[in-house]
Amino acid sequence: MASVSTHENQDKGPHLPPPSKQSLLFCPKSKLHIQRAEISKIIRECQEESFWKRALPFSLVSMLVTQGLVHQGYLAANPRFGSLPKVARTACLPVRNAKL
């Protein structure tokens, strides 16, 4: 029995402040094993995935729809540059929000 109680004391994990010094919002589980490098890696992966799987396809579809609307005559083409300014502006809108 004595070996069980010493084993339990070793498994407590990191040293936590005494309950009298803990704030009401203290959560001991959120303080465990969180490293800034790991969090920044996860954020970078999420941003990259967001760009390739959401922003880029949405941008390409938006460009095609805008070009089709200009070609059909629903949108007026620029007399000098044609549909290029409208298509370029449409392409930049979804990609602008994905921060790479």
N, C-alpha and C. Protein backbone atom coordinates (compact mmCIF):
# COMPACT_ATOMS: atom_id res chain seq x y z
N MET A 1 0.81 -1.20 0.00
CA MET A 1 0.00 0.00 0.00
C MET A 1 0.85 1.26 0.00
N ALA A 2 1.96 1.25 0.72
CA ALA A 2 2.80 2.43 0.81
C ALA A 2 3.40 2.77 -0.55
N SER A 3 3.71 1.75 -1.37
CA SER A 3 4.30 2.03 -2.67
C SER A 3 3.28 2.67 -3.61
N VAL A 4 2.02 2.37 -3.44
CA VAL A 4 0.98 2.96 -4.28
C VAL A 4 0.86 4.45 -4.01
N SER A 5 0.90 4.86 -2.75
CA SER A 5 0.75 6.28 -2.44
C SER A 5 1.96 7.09 -2.90
N THR A 6 3.18 6.54 -2.85
CA THR A 6 4.34 7.27 -3.35
C THR A 6 4.30 7.34 -4.87
N HIS A 7 3.77 6.30 -5.50
CA HIS A 7 3.65 6.31 -6.95
C HIS A 7 2.64 7.38 -7.40
N GLU A 8 1.57 7.56 -6.66
CA GLU A 8 0.57 8.57 -6.99
C GLU A 8 1.15 9.97 -6.88
N ASN A 9 2.03 10.22 -5.91
CA ASN A 9 2.64 11.53 -5.76
C ASN A 9 3.56 11.87 -6.92
N GLN A 10 4.18 10.87 -7.53
CA GLN A 10 5.08 11.10 -8.65
C GLN A 10 4.30 11.42 -9.92
N ASP A 11 3.08 10.94 -10.05
CA ASP A 11 2.28 11.14 -11.26
C ASP A 11 1.49 12.44 -11.27
N LYS A 12 1.67 13.29 -10.30
CA LYS A 12 0.87 14.51 -10.24
C LYS A 12 1.19 15.47 -11.39
N GLY A 13 2.39 15.41 -11.92
CA GLY A 13 2.74 16.26 -13.03
C GLY A 13 3.47 17.50 -12.56
N PRO A 14 3.35 18.62 -13.28
CA PRO A 14 4.08 19.83 -12.94
C PRO A 14 3.58 20.42 -11.63
N HIS A 15 4.42 21.25 -11.04
CA HIS A 15 4.06 21.90 -9.78
C HIS A 15 3.02 22.98 -10.05
N LEU A 16 1.92 22.91 -9.38
CA LEU A 16 0.84 23.87 -9.53
C LEU A 16 0.82 24.79 -8.33
N PRO A 17 0.39 26.04 -8.51
CA PRO A 17 0.30 26.94 -7.36
C PRO A 17 -0.75 26.44 -6.38
N PRO A 18 -0.60 26.79 -5.11
CA PRO A 18 -1.60 26.35 -4.13
C PRO A 18 -2.97 26.93 -4.47
N PRO A 19 -4.03 26.25 -4.07
CA PRO A 19 -5.39 26.71 -4.41
C PRO A 19 -5.68 28.13 -3.95
N SER A 20 -5.04 28.59 -2.90
CA SER A 20 -5.32 29.95 -2.42
C SER A 20 -4.77 31.01 -3.38
N LYS A 21 -3.75 30.69 -4.20
CA LYS A 21 -3.16 31.65 -5.12
C LYS A 21 -3.66 31.48 -6.55
N GLN A 22 -4.53 30.53 -6.79
CA GLN A 22 -5.07 30.30 -8.12
C GLN A 22 -6.25 31.24 -8.35
N SER A 23 -6.34 31.75 -9.58
CA SER A 23 -7.48 32.59 -9.91
C SER A 23 -8.70 31.71 -10.18
N LEU A 24 -9.84 32.33 -10.30
CA LEU A 24 -11.06 31.58 -10.58
C LEU A 24 -11.04 30.96 -11.97
N LEU A 25 -10.25 31.54 -12.89
CA LEU A 25 -10.19 31.04 -14.25
C LEU A 25 -9.04 30.06 -14.47
N PHE A 26 -8.38 29.62 -13.42
CA PHE A 26 -7.24 28.72 -13.53
C PHE A 26 -7.70 27.33 -13.95
N CYS A 27 -7.03 26.79 -14.95
CA CYS A 27 -7.32 25.43 -15.41
C CYS A 27 -6.00 24.68 -15.50
N PRO A 28 -5.77 23.71 -14.63
CA PRO A 28 -4.47 23.04 -14.63
C PRO A 28 -4.20 22.25 -15.90
N LYS A 29 -5.22 21.74 -16.55
CA LYS A 29 -5.01 20.95 -17.76
C LYS A 29 -4.55 21.81 -18.93
N SER A 30 -4.95 23.07 -18.98
CA SER A 30 -4.53 23.93 -20.08
C SER A 30 -3.09 24.37 -19.94
N LYS A 31 -2.52 24.25 -18.77
CA LYS A 31 -1.14 24.66 -18.54
C LYS A 31 -0.13 23.55 -18.87
N LEU A 32 -0.60 22.35 -19.16
CA LEU A 32 0.29 21.22 -19.36
C LEU A 32 0.79 21.13 -20.80
N HIS A 33 2.06 21.01 -20.97
CA HIS A 33 2.72 20.68 -22.23
C HIS A 33 2.36 21.60 -23.39
N ILE A 34 2.12 22.85 -23.16
CA ILE A 34 1.84 23.77 -24.25
C ILE A 34 3.10 24.59 -24.49
N GLN A 35 3.63 24.47 -25.69
CA GLN A 35 4.84 25.20 -26.05
C GLN A 35 4.51 26.14 -27.19
N ARG A 36 5.10 27.31 -27.15
CA ARG A 36 4.82 28.31 -28.17
C ARG A 36 5.21 27.83 -29.56
N ALA A 37 6.30 27.10 -29.69
CA ALA A 37 6.73 26.61 -30.99
C ALA A 37 5.69 25.66 -31.58
N GLU A 38 5.13 24.82 -30.73
CA GLU A 38 4.11 23.88 -31.20
C GLU A 38 2.85 24.61 -31.65
N ILE A 39 2.45 25.62 -30.89
CA ILE A 39 1.26 26.39 -31.25
C ILE A 39 1.48 27.15 -32.55
N SER A 40 2.65 27.77 -32.72
CA SER A 40 2.92 28.51 -33.95
C SER A 40 2.98 27.56 -35.15
N LYS A 41 3.47 26.34 -34.95
CA LYS A 41 3.49 25.36 -36.04
C LYS A 41 2.08 24.98 -36.45
N ILE A 42 1.20 24.78 -35.48
CA ILE A 42 -0.20 24.43 -35.77
C ILE A 42 -0.89 25.58 -36.51
N ILE A 43 -0.67 26.81 -36.07
CA ILE A 43 -1.28 27.96 -36.73
C ILE A 43 -0.79 28.09 -38.16
N ARG A 44 0.52 27.88 -38.38
CA ARG A 44 1.08 27.96 -39.73
C ARG A 44 0.47 26.90 -40.63
N GLU A 45 0.32 25.68 -40.11
CA GLU A 45 -0.29 24.61 -40.90
C GLU A 45 -1.74 24.92 -41.25
N CYS A 46 -2.47 25.50 -40.31
CA CYS A 46 -3.87 25.86 -40.57
C CYS A 46 -3.97 26.94 -41.64
N GLN A 47 -3.09 27.93 -41.58
CA GLN A 47 -3.12 28.99 -42.57
C GLN A 47 -2.77 28.46 -43.96
N GLU A 48 -1.77 27.57 -44.02
CA GLU A 48 -1.39 27.01 -45.31
C GLU A 48 -2.52 26.16 -45.89
N GLU A 49 -3.14 25.35 -45.05
CA GLU A 49 -4.25 24.52 -45.51
C GLU A 49 -5.43 25.39 -45.95
N SER A 50 -5.68 26.46 -45.22
CA SER A 50 -6.77 27.37 -45.58
C SER A 50 -6.53 27.99 -46.94
N PHE A 51 -5.29 28.36 -47.22
CA PHE A 51 -4.98 28.96 -48.52
C PHE A 51 -5.21 27.97 -49.64
N TRP A 52 -4.61 26.77 -49.53
CA TRP A 52 -4.66 25.81 -50.63
C TRP A 52 -6.03 25.16 -50.80
N LYS A 53 -6.78 24.97 -49.74
CA LYS A 53 -8.04 24.24 -49.85
C LYS A 53 -9.28 25.14 -49.88
N ARG A 54 -9.13 26.42 -49.54
CA ARG A 54 -10.30 27.30 -49.51
C ARG A 54 -10.11 28.54 -50.35
N ALA A 55 -9.10 29.33 -50.05
CA ALA A 55 -8.93 30.63 -50.70
C ALA A 55 -8.60 30.49 -52.18
N LEU A 56 -7.64 29.65 -52.52
CA LEU A 56 -7.24 29.53 -53.92
C LEU A 56 -8.36 28.97 -54.81
N PRO A 57 -9.03 27.87 -54.43
CA PRO A 57 -10.14 27.41 -55.28
C PRO A 57 -11.27 28.42 -55.39
N PHE A 58 -11.60 29.09 -54.29
CA PHE A 58 -12.65 30.10 -54.34
C PHE A 58 -12.25 31.25 -55.25
N SER A 59 -10.99 31.63 -55.22
CA SER A 59 -10.50 32.70 -56.07
C SER A 59 -10.59 32.31 -57.54
N LEU A 60 -10.20 31.08 -57.87
CA LEU A 60 -10.26 30.64 -59.27
C LEU A 60 -11.70 30.57 -59.78
N VAL A 61 -12.59 30.06 -58.96
CA VAL A 61 -14.00 30.00 -59.35
C VAL A 61 -14.57 31.41 -59.53
N SER A 62 -14.21 32.32 -58.64
CA SER A 62 -14.68 33.70 -58.76
C SER A 62 -14.17 34.35 -60.04
N MET A 63 -12.92 34.07 -60.40
CA MET A 63 -12.37 34.62 -61.64
C MET A 63 -13.13 34.09 -62.85
N LEU A 64 -13.42 32.79 -62.85
CA LEU A 64 -14.16 32.20 -63.98
C LEU A 64 -15.57 32.78 -64.09
N VAL A 65 -16.25 32.95 -62.97
CA VAL A 65 -17.59 33.50 -62.99
C VAL A 65 -17.56 34.95 -63.49
N THR A 66 -16.60 35.73 -63.02
CA THR A 66 -16.50 37.12 -63.46
C THR A 66 -16.21 37.20 -64.95
N GLN A 67 -15.29 36.37 -65.43
CA GLN A 67 -14.99 36.35 -66.86
C GLN A 67 -16.22 35.96 -67.67
N GLY A 68 -16.98 34.99 -67.17
CA GLY A 68 -18.20 34.59 -67.85
C GLY A 68 -19.24 35.70 -67.89
N LEU A 69 -19.37 36.45 -66.77
CA LEU A 69 -20.32 37.56 -66.75
C LEU A 69 -19.91 38.68 -67.70
N VAL A 70 -18.62 38.93 -67.80
CA VAL A 70 -18.15 39.95 -68.75
C VAL A 70 -18.39 39.47 -70.17
N HIS A 71 -18.11 38.20 -70.42
CA HIS A 71 -18.30 37.66 -71.77
C HIS A 71 -19.77 37.65 -72.19
N GLN A 72 -20.66 37.38 -71.24
CA GLN A 72 -22.09 37.36 -71.54
C GLN A 72 -22.68 38.77 -71.65
N GLY A 73 -21.97 39.76 -71.15
CA GLY A 73 -22.44 41.13 -71.25
C GLY A 73 -23.13 41.65 -70.00
N TYR A 74 -23.18 40.86 -68.93
CA TYR A 74 -23.78 41.33 -67.69
C TYR A 74 -22.90 42.36 -66.98
N LEU A 75 -21.60 42.26 -67.17
CA LEU A 75 -20.66 43.26 -66.66
C LEU A 75 -19.98 43.92 -67.85
N ALA A 76 -19.78 45.22 -67.75
CA ALA A 76 -19.14 45.94 -68.86
C ALA A 76 -17.62 45.80 -68.76
N ALA A 77 -17.00 45.53 -69.89
CA ALA A 77 -15.55 45.43 -69.95
C ALA A 77 -14.95 46.82 -70.05
N ASN A 78 -13.75 46.97 -69.55
CA ASN A 78 -13.03 48.24 -69.64
C ASN A 78 -12.65 48.46 -71.11
N PRO A 79 -12.85 49.67 -71.63
CA PRO A 79 -12.54 49.90 -73.05
C PRO A 79 -11.06 49.67 -73.39
N ARG A 80 -10.18 49.94 -72.46
CA ARG A 80 -8.76 49.82 -72.75
C ARG A 80 -8.20 48.44 -72.38
N PHE A 81 -8.56 47.91 -71.20
CA PHE A 81 -7.96 46.68 -70.71
C PHE A 81 -8.87 45.45 -70.79
N GLY A 82 -10.09 45.63 -71.19
CA GLY A 82 -11.01 44.50 -71.30
C GLY A 82 -11.49 44.04 -69.93
N SER A 83 -11.57 42.73 -69.75
CA SER A 83 -12.07 42.17 -68.49
C SER A 83 -10.98 42.01 -67.43
N LEU A 84 -9.74 42.30 -67.77
CA LEU A 84 -8.62 42.06 -66.86
C LEU A 84 -8.75 42.76 -65.50
N PRO A 85 -9.12 44.06 -65.43
CA PRO A 85 -9.22 44.68 -64.10
C PRO A 85 -10.28 44.03 -63.20
N LYS A 86 -11.41 43.67 -63.76
CA LYS A 86 -12.47 43.05 -62.96
C LYS A 86 -12.05 41.65 -62.50
N VAL A 87 -11.44 40.89 -63.37
CA VAL A 87 -11.01 39.53 -63.02
C VAL A 87 -9.89 39.58 -61.98
N ALA A 88 -8.96 40.50 -62.13
CA ALA A 88 -7.85 40.61 -61.17
C ALA A 88 -8.36 41.04 -59.79
N ARG A 89 -9.28 41.98 -59.76
CA ARG A 89 -9.85 42.43 -58.48
C ARG A 89 -10.61 41.29 -57.81
N THR A 90 -11.34 40.53 -58.61
CA THR A 90 -12.09 39.39 -58.07
C THR A 90 -11.14 38.32 -57.53
N ALA A 91 -10.01 38.13 -58.18
CA ALA A 91 -9.04 37.12 -57.76
C ALA A 91 -8.40 37.49 -56.44
N CYS A 92 -8.22 38.77 -56.16
CA CYS A 92 -7.52 39.20 -54.96
C CYS A 92 -8.39 39.17 -53.72
N LEU A 93 -9.68 39.23 -53.84
CA LEU A 93 -10.55 39.30 -52.66
C LEU A 93 -10.44 38.09 -51.73
N PRO A 94 -10.60 36.84 -52.20
CA PRO A 94 -10.51 35.71 -51.27
C PRO A 94 -9.10 35.46 -50.77
N VAL A 95 -8.10 35.69 -51.59
CA VAL A 95 -6.71 35.41 -51.20
C VAL A 95 -6.23 36.43 -50.17
N ARG A 96 -6.77 37.63 -50.19
CA ARG A 96 -6.34 38.67 -49.27
C ARG A 96 -6.58 38.25 -47.82
N ASN A 97 -7.65 37.50 -47.57
CA ASN A 97 -7.99 37.11 -46.20
C ASN A 97 -7.15 35.94 -45.70
N ALA A 98 -6.55 35.18 -46.59
CA ALA A 98 -5.70 34.08 -46.15
C ALA A 98 -4.30 34.62 -45.93
N LYS A 99 -3.86 34.66 -44.69
CA LYS A 99 -2.56 35.25 -44.36
C LYS A 99 -1.48 34.19 -44.42
N LEU A 100 -0.68 34.27 -45.45
CA LEU A 100 0.43 33.32 -45.59
C LEU A 100 1.72 33.96 -45.21
